[in-house]
C-alpha atoms as a PDB file:
ATOM      1  CA  MET A   1      74.915  50.874 -94.837  1.00  0.00           C
ATOM      2  CA  ASN A   2      71.847  50.502 -92.755  1.00  0.00           C
ATOM      3  CA  ILE A   3      68.826  52.492 -95.007  1.00  0.00           C
ATOM      4  CA  VAL A   4      65.444  53.391 -94.267  1.00  0.00           C
ATOM      5  CA  PHE A   5      63.924  53.922 -97.760  1.00  0.00           C
ATOM      6  CA  MET A   6      60.943  56.629 -97.970  1.00  0.00           C
ATOM      7  CA  GLY A   7      58.486  56.849-100.138  1.00  0.00           C
ATOM      8  CA  SER A   8      55.117  56.460-102.306  1.00  0.00           C
ATOM      9  CA  PRO A   9      54.869  56.446-106.253  1.00  0.00           C
ATOM     10  CA  GLY A  10      56.001  54.761-108.479  1.00  0.00           C
ATOM     11  CA  PHE A  11      58.803  57.110-109.244  1.00  0.00           C
ATOM     12  CA  ALA A  12      60.782  55.828-106.468  1.00  0.00           C
ATOM     13  CA  ILE A  13      60.542  51.848-107.309  1.00  0.00           C
ATOM     14  CA  PRO A  14      64.050  52.102-109.400  1.00  0.00           C
ATOM     15  CA  SER A  15      65.486  53.834-106.257  1.00  0.00           C
ATOM     16  CA  LEU A  16      64.368  50.968-104.181  1.00  0.00           C
ATOM     17  CA  GLU A  17      65.140  48.324-106.600  1.00  0.00           C
ATOM     18  CA  LYS A  18      68.898  49.840-107.273  1.00  0.00           C
ATOM     19  CA  ILE A  19      69.111  49.824-103.676  1.00  0.00           C
ATOM     20  CA  PHE A  20      68.099  46.893-102.382  1.00  0.00           C
ATOM     21  CA  ASN A  21      70.117  44.814-105.290  1.00  0.00           C
ATOM     22  CA  SER A  22      73.340  46.631-103.388  1.00  0.00           C
ATOM     23  CA  LYS A  23      75.336  46.118-101.223  1.00  0.00           C
ATOM     24  CA  HIS A  24      73.583  47.802 -98.685  1.00  0.00           C
ATOM     25  CA  THR A  25      70.722  46.944 -96.183  1.00  0.00           C
ATOM     26  CA  VAL A  26      67.240  48.097 -96.747  1.00  0.00           C
ATOM     27  CA  LYS A  27      66.171  47.870 -92.990  1.00  0.00           C
ATOM     28  CA  ALA A  28      62.761  48.904 -93.762  1.00  0.00           C
ATOM     29  CA  VAL A  29      60.327  50.787 -96.317  1.00  0.00           C
ATOM     30  CA  VAL A  30      58.039  53.854 -95.091  1.00  0.00           C
ATOM     31  CA  SER A  31      55.043  54.673 -96.939  1.00  0.00           C
ATOM     32  CA  ASN A  32      51.822  56.694 -96.980  1.00  0.00           C
ATOM     33  CA  VAL A  33      49.013  54.473 -95.774  1.00  0.00           C
ATOM     34  CA  ASP A  34      46.894  52.317 -98.121  1.00  0.00           C
ATOM     35  CA  LYS A  35      44.545  54.509-100.104  1.00  0.00           C
ATOM     36  CA  ARG A  36      40.307  53.918-100.555  1.00  0.00           C
ATOM     37  CA  ARG A  37      40.196  52.258-103.853  1.00  0.00           C
ATOM     38  CA  GLY A  38      37.168  53.168-106.073  1.00  0.00           C
ATOM     39  CA  ARG A  39      33.798  53.118-104.900  1.00  0.00           C
ATOM     40  CA  GLY A  40      33.446  50.278-103.030  1.00  0.00           C
ATOM     41  CA  SER A  41      35.121  49.478 -99.743  1.00  0.00           C
ATOM     42  CA  GLY A  42      38.765  48.186-100.504  1.00  0.00           C
ATOM     43  CA  THR A  43      41.636  50.172-100.390  1.00  0.00           C
ATOM     44  CA  ALA A  44      44.759  49.834-102.421  1.00  0.00           C
ATOM     45  CA  PRO A  45      48.660  50.118-101.742  1.00  0.00           C
ATOM     46  CA  THR A  46      50.948  52.932-102.471  1.00  0.00           C
ATOM     47  CA  PRO A  47      52.981  51.952-105.399  1.00  0.00           C
ATOM     48  CA  LEU A  48      56.078  51.724-103.355  1.00  0.00           C
ATOM     49  CA  LYS A  49      54.271  49.851-100.714  1.00  0.00           C
ATOM     50  CA  ALA A  50      53.217  47.021-102.977  1.00  0.00           C
ATOM     51  CA  LYS A  51      56.813  47.072-104.372  1.00  0.00           C
ATOM     52  CA  ALA A  52      58.110  46.645-100.908  1.00  0.00           C
ATOM     53  CA  LEU A  53      55.949  43.949 -99.823  1.00  0.00           C
ATOM     54  CA  GLN A  54      56.895  42.395-103.252  1.00  0.00           C
ATOM     55  CA  LEU A  55      59.882  42.674-102.647  1.00  0.00           C
ATOM     56  CA  GLY A  56      59.934  41.038 -98.939  1.00  0.00           C
ATOM     57  CA  LEU A  57      60.999  44.523 -97.364  1.00  0.00           C
ATOM     58  CA  LYS A  58      59.866  45.178 -94.088  1.00  0.00           C
ATOM     59  CA  VAL A  59      57.229  48.184 -94.076  1.00  0.00           C
ATOM     60  CA  ILE A  60      56.106  50.992 -92.538  1.00  0.00           C
ATOM     61  CA  GLU A  61      52.939  53.118 -92.895  1.00  0.00           C
ATOM     62  CA  VAL A  62      52.104  56.146 -91.817  1.00  0.00           C
ATOM     63  CA  GLU A  63      49.979  58.475 -91.063  1.00  0.00           C
ATOM     64  CA  ASP A  64      50.849  61.306 -88.762  1.00  0.00           C
ATOM     65  CA  LEU A  65      54.750  62.060 -89.129  1.00  0.00           C
ATOM     66  CA  HIS A  66      55.101  63.583 -85.851  1.00  0.00           C
ATOM     67  CA  SER A  67      53.592  60.647 -83.675  1.00  0.00           C
ATOM     68  CA  LYS A  68      55.488  59.213 -80.771  1.00  0.00           C
ATOM     69  CA  GLU A  69      55.078  55.148 -82.155  1.00  0.00           C
ATOM     70  CA  PHE A  70      56.256  56.162 -85.397  1.00  0.00           C
ATOM     71  CA  GLU A  71      59.533  58.034 -83.940  1.00  0.00           C
ATOM     72  CA  GLU A  72      60.265  55.235 -81.894  1.00  0.00           C
ATOM     73  CA  LYS A  73      59.682  52.275 -84.529  1.00  0.00           C
ATOM     74  CA  LEU A  74      62.174  54.230 -86.800  1.00  0.00           C
ATOM     75  CA  LYS A  75      64.892  55.105 -83.989  1.00  0.00           C
ATOM     76  CA  ALA A  76      64.564  50.933 -83.274  1.00  0.00           C
ATOM     77  CA  LEU A  77      66.104  50.301 -86.927  1.00  0.00           C
ATOM     78  CA  ASP A  78      69.230  52.098 -85.765  1.00  0.00           C
ATOM     79  CA  ALA A  79      69.481  53.181 -89.541  1.00  0.00           C
ATOM     80  CA  ASP A  80      73.157  54.830 -90.898  1.00  0.00           C
ATOM     81  CA  LEU A  81      71.004  56.629 -93.410  1.00  0.00           C
ATOM     82  CA  PHE A  82      67.403  57.785 -94.218  1.00  0.00           C
ATOM     83  CA  VAL A  83      66.846  57.334 -98.245  1.00  0.00           C
ATOM     84  CA  VAL A  84      63.620  59.726 -98.929  1.00  0.00           C
ATOM     85  CA  VAL A  85      61.989  59.663-102.670  1.00  0.00           C
ATOM     86  CA  ALA A  86      58.828  61.609-103.610  1.00  0.00           C
ATOM     87  CA  PHE A  87      57.267  61.292 -99.873  1.00  0.00           C
ATOM     88  CA  ARG A  88      56.704  64.053 -97.259  1.00  0.00           C
ATOM     89  CA  ILE A  89      58.403  66.620 -95.739  1.00  0.00           C
ATOM     90  CA  LEU A  90      60.109  65.161 -92.304  1.00  0.00           C
ATOM     91  CA  PRO A  91      60.076  66.741 -89.127  1.00  0.00           C
ATOM     92  CA  LYS A  92      63.441  67.837 -87.919  1.00  0.00           C
ATOM     93  CA  GLN A  93      63.071  65.371 -84.778  1.00  0.00           C
ATOM     94  CA  ILE A  94      62.400  62.429 -87.688  1.00  0.00           C
ATOM     95  CA  LEU A  95      65.604  64.062 -89.421  1.00  0.00           C
ATOM     96  CA  GLU A  96      67.787  63.346 -86.254  1.00  0.00           C
ATOM     97  CA  ILE A  97      67.402  59.876 -86.238  1.00  0.00           C
ATOM     98  CA  PRO A  98      69.524  58.138 -88.144  1.00  0.00           C
ATOM     99  CA  LYS A  99      73.336  58.343 -87.476  1.00  0.00           C
ATOM    100  CA  ILE A 100      75.236  60.060 -90.442  1.00  0.00           C
ATOM    101  CA  GLY A 101      71.378  62.223 -91.569  1.00  0.00           C
ATOM    102  CA  SER A 102      69.544  62.118 -94.716  1.00  0.00           C
ATOM    103  CA  ILE A 103      69.279  62.191 -98.053  1.00  0.00           C
ATOM    104  CA  ASN A 104      66.687  63.216-100.450  1.00  0.00           C
ATOM    105  CA  LEU A 105      66.490  62.528-104.857  1.00  0.00           C
ATOM    106  CA  HIS A 106      64.759  65.901-106.121  1.00  0.00           C
ATOM    107  CA  ALA A 107      64.035  65.659-109.720  1.00  0.00           C
ATOM    108  CA  SER A 108      65.318  69.108-110.911  1.00  0.00           C
ATOM    109  CA  LEU A 109      68.666  70.769-110.814  1.00  0.00           C
ATOM    110  CA  LEU A 110      68.378  72.496-107.065  1.00  0.00           C
ATOM    111  CA  PRO A 111      68.214  75.574-106.189  1.00  0.00           C
ATOM    112  CA  LYS A 112      65.903  75.833-109.372  1.00  0.00           C
ATOM    113  CA  TYR A 113      62.378  74.216-108.776  1.00  0.00           C
ATOM    114  CA  ARG A 114      61.856  73.668-104.631  1.00  0.00           C
ATOM    115  CA  GLY A 115      59.008  72.516-104.472  1.00  0.00           C
ATOM    116  CA  ALA A 116      56.166  70.233-105.593  1.00  0.00           C
ATOM    117  CA  ALA A 117      56.415  69.565-108.971  1.00  0.00           C
ATOM    118  CA  PRO A 118      58.994  70.298-110.609  1.00  0.00           C
ATOM    119  CA  ILE A 119      59.167  68.264-113.603  1.00  0.00           C
ATOM    120  CA  HIS A 120      56.098  69.420-114.719  1.00  0.00           C
ATOM    121  CA  TRP A 121      57.217  73.523-114.168  1.00  0.00           C
ATOM    122  CA  ALA A 122      61.035  72.560-115.993  1.00  0.00           C
ATOM    123  CA  VAL A 123      58.844  72.041-119.091  1.00  0.00           C
ATOM    124  CA  ILE A 124      56.147  74.480-118.823  1.00  0.00           C
ATOM    125  CA  ASN A 125      59.226  77.180-118.931  1.00  0.00           C
ATOM    126  CA  GLY A 126      60.685  75.313-121.471  1.00  0.00           C
ATOM    127  CA  GLU A 127      63.294  74.640-120.058  1.00  0.00           C
ATOM    128  CA  ASP A 128      66.213  72.923-122.321  1.00  0.00           C
ATOM    129  CA  GLU A 129      67.569  70.994-119.549  1.00  0.00           C
ATOM    130  CA  THR A 130      66.733  69.801-116.016  1.00  0.00           C
ATOM    131  CA  GLY A 131      68.043  66.969-113.695  1.00  0.00           C
ATOM    132  CA  CYS A 132      67.653  65.687-110.297  1.00  0.00           C
ATOM    133  CA  THR A 133      70.095  66.362-107.265  1.00  0.00           C
ATOM    134  CA  ILE A 134      70.771  64.087-103.960  1.00  0.00           C
ATOM    135  CA  PHE A 135      70.960  66.790-101.511  1.00  0.00           C
ATOM    136  CA  PHE A 136      71.152  66.665 -97.113  1.00  0.00           C
ATOM    137  CA  LEU A 137      67.846  67.498 -96.151  1.00  0.00           C
ATOM    138  CA  ASP A 138      66.916  69.990 -93.247  1.00  0.00           C
ATOM    139  CA  GLU A 139      63.923  71.750 -92.075  1.00  0.00           C
ATOM    140  CA  LYS A 140      63.328  74.075 -95.033  1.00  0.00           C
ATOM    141  CA  VAL A 141      61.860  72.469 -98.269  1.00  0.00           C
ATOM    142  CA  ASP A 142      64.555  71.713-100.505  1.00  0.00           C
ATOM    143  CA  THR A 143      67.669  73.559 -99.399  1.00  0.00           C
ATOM    144  CA  GLY A 144      69.619  71.560 -97.783  1.00  0.00           C
ATOM    145  CA  ASN A 145      73.823  70.722 -99.428  1.00  0.00           C
ATOM    146  CA  ILE A 146      74.362  69.011-102.596  1.00  0.00           C
ATOM    147  CA  LEU A 147      75.814  65.540-102.829  1.00  0.00           C
ATOM    148  CA  LEU A 148      75.167  65.078-106.037  1.00  0.00           C
ATOM    149  CA  GLN A 149      73.861  66.634-109.167  1.00  0.00           C
ATOM    150  CA  LYS A 150      72.544  65.080-112.557  1.00  0.00           C
ATOM    151  CA  LYS A 151      71.932  67.043-116.050  1.00  0.00           C
ATOM    152  CA  ILE A 152      69.323  65.744-118.955  1.00  0.00           C
ATOM    153  CA  SER A 153      68.112  67.308-121.879  1.00  0.00           C
ATOM    154  CA  VAL A 154      64.932  68.484-122.735  1.00  0.00           C
ATOM    155  CA  SER A 155      63.026  68.355-126.157  1.00  0.00           C
ATOM    156  CA  GLU A 156      60.821  71.338-127.382  1.00  0.00           C
ATOM    157  CA  ASN A 157      58.254  68.545-127.882  1.00  0.00           C
ATOM    158  CA  ASP A 158      59.033  66.363-124.841  1.00  0.00           C
ATOM    159  CA  THR A 159      56.163  65.413-122.098  1.00  0.00           C
ATOM    160  CA  THR A 160      56.133  65.829-118.331  1.00  0.00           C
ATOM    161  CA  GLY A 161      55.908  61.973-118.702  1.00  0.00           C
ATOM    162  CA  GLU A 162      58.731  61.383-120.999  1.00  0.00           C
ATOM    163  CA  VAL A 163      60.975  63.740-118.320  1.00  0.00           C
ATOM    164  CA  TYR A 164      59.362  62.027-116.131  1.00  0.00           C
ATOM    165  CA  SER A 165      60.840  58.905-117.146  1.00  0.00           C
ATOM    166  CA  LYS A 166      64.295  59.819-118.190  1.00  0.00           C
ATOM    167  CA  LEU A 167      65.206  61.205-114.235  1.00  0.00           C
ATOM    168  CA  MET A 168      63.002  58.740-113.138  1.00  0.00           C
ATOM    169  CA  ASN A 169      65.880  55.730-114.442  1.00  0.00           C
ATOM    170  CA  GLU A 170      68.685  58.482-114.052  1.00  0.00           C
ATOM    171  CA  GLY A 171      67.865  59.884-110.504  1.00  0.00           C
ATOM    172  CA  SER A 172      67.765  56.246-109.269  1.00  0.00           C
ATOM    173  CA  THR A 173      71.428  55.546-110.717  1.00  0.00           C
ATOM    174  CA  GLU A 174      72.838  58.413-109.332  1.00  0.00           C
ATOM    175  CA  LEU A 175      71.577  57.960-105.832  1.00  0.00           C
ATOM    176  CA  LEU A 176      72.740  54.845-105.750  1.00  0.00           C
ATOM    177  CA  ASN A 177      76.332  56.767-106.687  1.00  0.00           C
ATOM    178  CA  ALA A 178      75.694  59.383-103.522  1.00  0.00           C
ATOM    179  CA  ILE A 179      74.390  56.458-101.365  1.00  0.00           C
ATOM    180  CA  ASP A 180      78.358  53.934-102.184  1.00  0.00           C
ATOM    181  CA  LEU A 181      79.791  58.117-101.947  1.00  0.00           C
ATOM    182  CA  ILE A 182      78.459  58.378 -98.254  1.00  0.00           C
ATOM    183  CA  SER A 183      79.685  55.047 -97.263  1.00  0.00           C
ATOM    184  CA  SER A 184      82.997  55.840 -98.352  1.00  0.00           C
ATOM    185  CA  GLY A 185      82.922  58.772 -96.527  1.00  0.00           C
ATOM    186  CA  ASN A 186      85.325  60.446 -99.421  1.00  0.00           C
ATOM    187  CA  TYR A 187      82.656  63.129-100.648  1.00  0.00           C
ATOM    188  CA  GLU A 188      82.004  66.982-100.797  1.00  0.00           C
ATOM    189  CA  LEU A 189      78.882  69.249-100.195  1.00  0.00           C
ATOM    190  CA  ARG A 190      78.531  72.297-101.161  1.00  0.00           C
ATOM    191  CA  SER A 191      75.440  74.870-100.481  1.00  0.00           C
ATOM    192  CA  GLN A 192      72.662  76.479-102.430  1.00  0.00           C
ATOM    193  CA  ASP A 193      72.534  79.628-103.415  1.00  0.00           C
ATOM    194  CA  ASP A 194      69.197  81.241-102.306  1.00  0.00           C
ATOM    195  CA  SER A 195      69.407  83.834-104.468  1.00  0.00           C
ATOM    196  CA  VAL A 196      68.901  81.797-108.007  1.00  0.00           C
ATOM    197  CA  ALA A 197      66.287  79.830-106.397  1.00  0.00           C
ATOM    198  CA  THR A 198      62.648  79.114-108.064  1.00  0.00           C
ATOM    199  CA  PRO A 199      60.009  77.812-106.744  1.00  0.00           C
ATOM    200  CA  ALA A 200      57.710  75.178-108.346  1.00  0.00           C
ATOM    201  CA  PRO A 201      54.954  74.904-106.617  1.00  0.00           C
ATOM    202  CA  LYS A 202      51.476  72.863-106.599  1.00  0.00           C
ATOM    203  CA  LEU A 203      49.007  72.269-110.342  1.00  0.00           C
ATOM    204  CA  TYR A 204      45.736  73.305-109.226  1.00  0.00           C
ATOM    205  CA  ASN A 205      42.514  73.634-111.684  1.00  0.00           C
ATOM    206  CA  GLU A 206      43.295  77.484-111.936  1.00  0.00           C
ATOM    207  CA  ASN A 207      47.014  77.076-112.800  1.00  0.00           C
ATOM    208  CA  THR A 208      46.317  74.893-115.302  1.00  0.00           C
ATOM    209  CA  ARG A 209      44.135  76.673-117.041  1.00  0.00           C
ATOM    210  CA  ILE A 210      45.335  77.454-121.006  1.00  0.00           C
ATOM    211  CA  ASP A 211      45.969  81.134-121.506  1.00  0.00           C
ATOM    212  CA  PHE A 212      45.300  81.766-125.107  1.00  0.00           C
ATOM    213  CA  ASN A 213      47.156  85.367-124.728  1.00  0.00           C
ATOM    214  CA  ARG A 214      50.626  84.132-124.443  1.00  0.00           C
ATOM    215  CA  SER A 215      53.141  82.758-127.649  1.00  0.00           C
ATOM    216  CA  PRO A 216      52.251  79.361-129.123  1.00  0.00           C
ATOM    217  CA  ARG A 217      55.329  78.589-127.993  1.00  0.00           C
ATOM    218  CA  GLU A 218      53.788  79.449-124.309  1.00  0.00           C
ATOM    219  CA  VAL A 219      50.833  77.536-125.432  1.00  0.00           C
ATOM    220  CA  HIS A 220      52.583  75.038-126.038  1.00  0.00           C
ATOM    221  CA  ASN A 221      54.585  74.334-123.238  1.00  0.00           C
ATOM    222  CA  LEU A 222      51.877  74.174-120.726  1.00  0.00           C
ATOM    223  CA  ILE A 223      49.924  71.543-122.754  1.00  0.00           C
ATOM    224  CA  ARG A 224      53.068  69.284-123.417  1.00  0.00           C
ATOM    225  CA  GLY A 225      54.349  70.281-119.110  1.00  0.00           C
ATOM    226  CA  LEU A 226      50.686  69.283-117.968  1.00  0.00           C
ATOM    227  CA  ASN A 227      50.876  65.589-119.805  1.00  0.00           C
ATOM    228  CA  PRO A 228      49.941  63.008-118.628  1.00  0.00           C
ATOM    229  CA  PHE A 229      48.335  64.178-115.589  1.00  0.00           C
ATOM    230  CA  PRO A 230      47.041  67.120-114.906  1.00  0.00           C
ATOM    231  CA  VAL A 231      46.149  68.076-118.167  1.00  0.00           C
ATOM    232  CA  ALA A 232      45.523  71.254-119.478  1.00  0.00           C
ATOM    233  CA  TRP A 233      41.965  73.043-120.098  1.00  0.00           C
ATOM    234  CA  THR A 234      39.967  75.398-121.204  1.00  0.00           C
ATOM    235  CA  THR A 235      36.101  75.645-122.079  1.00  0.00           C
ATOM    236  CA  TRP A 236      34.324  75.430-124.969  1.00  0.00           C
ATOM    237  CA  ASN A 237      30.126  75.516-125.905  1.00  0.00           C
ATOM    238  CA  ASN A 238      30.593  75.656-121.770  1.00  0.00           C
ATOM    239  CA  GLU A 239      32.200  72.283-120.732  1.00  0.00           C
ATOM    240  CA  LYS A 240      35.409  71.577-119.873  1.00  0.00           C
ATOM    241  CA  VAL A 241      38.172  70.176-122.664  1.00  0.00           C
ATOM    242  CA  LYS A 242      41.126  69.138-122.533  1.00  0.00           C
ATOM    243  CA  ILE A 243      44.122  69.394-124.238  1.00  0.00           C
ATOM    244  CA  PHE A 244      47.004  66.336-124.383  1.00  0.00           C
ATOM    245  CA  LYS A 245      48.977  67.638-127.419  1.00  0.00           C
ATOM    246  CA  SER A 246      49.695  69.961-129.190  1.00  0.00           C
ATOM    247  CA  ARG A 247      51.719  72.180-131.716  1.00  0.00           C
ATOM    248  CA  PRO A 248      52.524  75.522-132.971  1.00  0.00           C
ATOM    249  CA  GLY A 249      50.476  76.082-135.901  1.00  0.00           C
ATOM    250  CA  PRO A 250      50.842  78.649-138.553  1.00  0.00           C
ATOM    251  CA  VAL A 251      50.585  82.374-138.056  1.00  0.00           C
ATOM    252  CA  ILE A 252      47.211  83.482-138.830  1.00  0.00           C
ATOM    253  CA  ASN A 253      45.598  86.572-138.290  1.00  0.00           C
ATOM    254  CA  ILE A 254      42.766  85.475-136.013  1.00  0.00           C
ATOM    255  CA  ASP A 255      41.825  86.373-132.498  1.00  0.00           C
ATOM    256  CA  PRO A 256      43.140  84.912-129.518  1.00  0.00           C
ATOM    257  CA  ALA A 257      41.659  80.888-128.723  1.00  0.00           C
ATOM    258  CA  GLU A 258      39.318  81.565-131.662  1.00  0.00           C
ATOM    259  CA  LEU A 259      38.456  77.631-133.263  1.00  0.00           C
ATOM    260  CA  LEU A 260      39.685  77.204-136.845  1.00  0.00           C
ATOM    261  CA  GLU A 261      39.446  74.339-139.011  1.00  0.00           C
ATOM    262  CA  LYS A 262      41.328  74.462-142.176  1.00  0.00           C
ATOM    263  CA  ASP A 263      43.262  72.194-144.154  1.00  0.00           C
ATOM    264  CA  GLY A 264      42.076  69.539-141.621  1.00  0.00           C
ATOM    265  CA  LYS A 265      43.910  71.040-138.591  1.00  0.00           C
ATOM    266  CA  LEU A 266      42.291  72.233-135.559  1.00  0.00           C
ATOM    267  CA  LEU A 267      43.292  75.363-134.280  1.00  0.00           C
ATOM    268  CA  ALA A 268      43.228  78.109-132.312  1.00  0.00           C
ATOM    269  CA  GLY A 269      44.407  82.012-131.953  1.00  0.00           C
ATOM    270  CA  CYS A 270      47.440  82.607-129.719  1.00  0.00           C
ATOM    271  CA  ARG A 271      49.304  86.267-129.363  1.00  0.00           C
ATOM    272  CA  ASP A 272      51.019  86.248-132.363  1.00  0.00           C
ATOM    273  CA  GLY A 273      50.082  82.706-134.065  1.00  0.00           C
ATOM    274  CA  THR A 274      48.104  79.826-133.374  1.00  0.00           C
ATOM    275  CA  ILE A 275      48.581  76.502-131.595  1.00  0.00           C
ATOM    276  CA  GLU A 276      47.277  73.393-133.477  1.00  0.00           C
ATOM    277  CA  ILE A 277      45.316  70.983-131.554  1.00  0.00           C
ATOM    278  CA  LEU A 278      46.395  67.744-132.252  1.00  0.00           C
ATOM    279  CA  GLU A 279      44.900  65.332-129.269  1.00  0.00           C
ATOM    280  CA  LEU A 280      41.829  66.801-126.934  1.00  0.00           C
ATOM    281  CA  GLN A 281      38.876  65.231-124.522  1.00  0.00           C
ATOM    282  CA  ILE A 282      35.876  66.990-124.335  1.00  0.00           C
ATOM    283  CA  PRO A 283      33.242  65.315-121.188  1.00  0.00           C
ATOM    284  CA  GLY A 284      31.687  62.092-121.904  1.00  0.00           C
ATOM    285  CA  LYS A 285      33.732  61.325-124.530  1.00  0.00           C
ATOM    286  CA  LYS A 286      36.895  59.503-124.739  1.00  0.00           C
ATOM    287  CA  ARG A 287      40.613  61.275-126.077  1.00  0.00           C
ATOM    288  CA  MET A 288      40.194  61.786-128.949  1.00  0.00           C
ATOM    289  CA  SER A 289      42.809  63.168-132.177  1.00  0.00           C
ATOM    290  CA  ALA A 290      42.062  66.897-133.958  1.00  0.00           C
ATOM    291  CA  ILE A 291      40.182  65.201-137.377  1.00  0.00           C
ATOM    292  CA  ASP A 292      37.982  62.937-135.215  1.00  0.00           C
ATOM    293  CA  PHE A 293      37.042  66.051-133.138  1.00  0.00           C
ATOM    294  CA  ILE A 294      36.475  67.631-136.862  1.00  0.00           C
ATOM    295  CA  ASN A 295      34.557  65.189-138.342  1.00  0.00           C
ATOM    296  CA  SER A 296      32.405  64.882-135.092  1.00  0.00           C
ATOM    297  CA  ASN A 297      31.813  68.749-133.862  1.00  0.00           C
ATOM    298  CA  LYS A 298      30.706  72.196-135.853  1.00  0.00           C
ATOM    299  CA  VAL A 299      33.941  73.751-135.661  1.00  0.00           C
ATOM    300  CA  GLU A 300      33.033  77.064-134.746  1.00  0.00           C
ATOM    301  CA  GLY A 301      33.677  80.062-131.917  1.00  0.00           C
ATOM    302  CA  SER A 302      36.176  79.877-129.140  1.00  0.00           C
ATOM    303  CA  PHE A 303      37.595  78.092-126.524  1.00  0.00           C
ATOM    304  CA  HIS A 304      37.378  80.341-122.964  1.00  0.00           C
END
């Protein structure tokens, strides 16, 4: 089949590579416009655009998905299928261009975790499994008919970064399987049950702050679910502190958010227990281990 591939971040690269090396033809790659880099006037391409150029593929940069010029460029490619991985919400007139339709690789077991941050929320909520879904796109976000799904297990200490890597690789393999199925014409679709759908909203400053009134396991899940980005945070001595790694600590009777050094461990009170902080960063300092923090700071007071 003739395919137009759309995406921007590194998550989409293994998928593009597998399709490029398959029997199908990538007619073009669509990606976001170059971003300004650092403080200078230079710009940097999206990771997917950089890979597409390395592979010698035609690249279409787009800012306005509704522009007539963009629509005409896509029509001229005469694609059988649009394949979308970690891109933007496509308008109806774009979805209708390819002969067969448009499919998407989504990093959750839809209809669970519809939205912008499915991997983060699966880890934050302590799921012991998640996965990826290949489905046909329609006008509503993450609601189309499902073609294939692949489950993966999530351990109690996996970070979002680790689950991201698993799904990036497993998802790219499953995506090519889905494309081959579509090419053969021998496939069945199933609709999503909207009644069991759950959201995966964007992550902001407000919903990444640690609430120490939660249980140690819930706090630990938030910390690993926000590692490596955007990182869970709290405040100490009126400064923002990023917490990268943790584990549930011993049951000690201290107030929620109260700090305690015990046997060389940095503990913070939670509801019904403590959380042991393993790695953190204070303003103006590099990321450090708890023992380095203890050695260079007087451990007292509380997080806020």
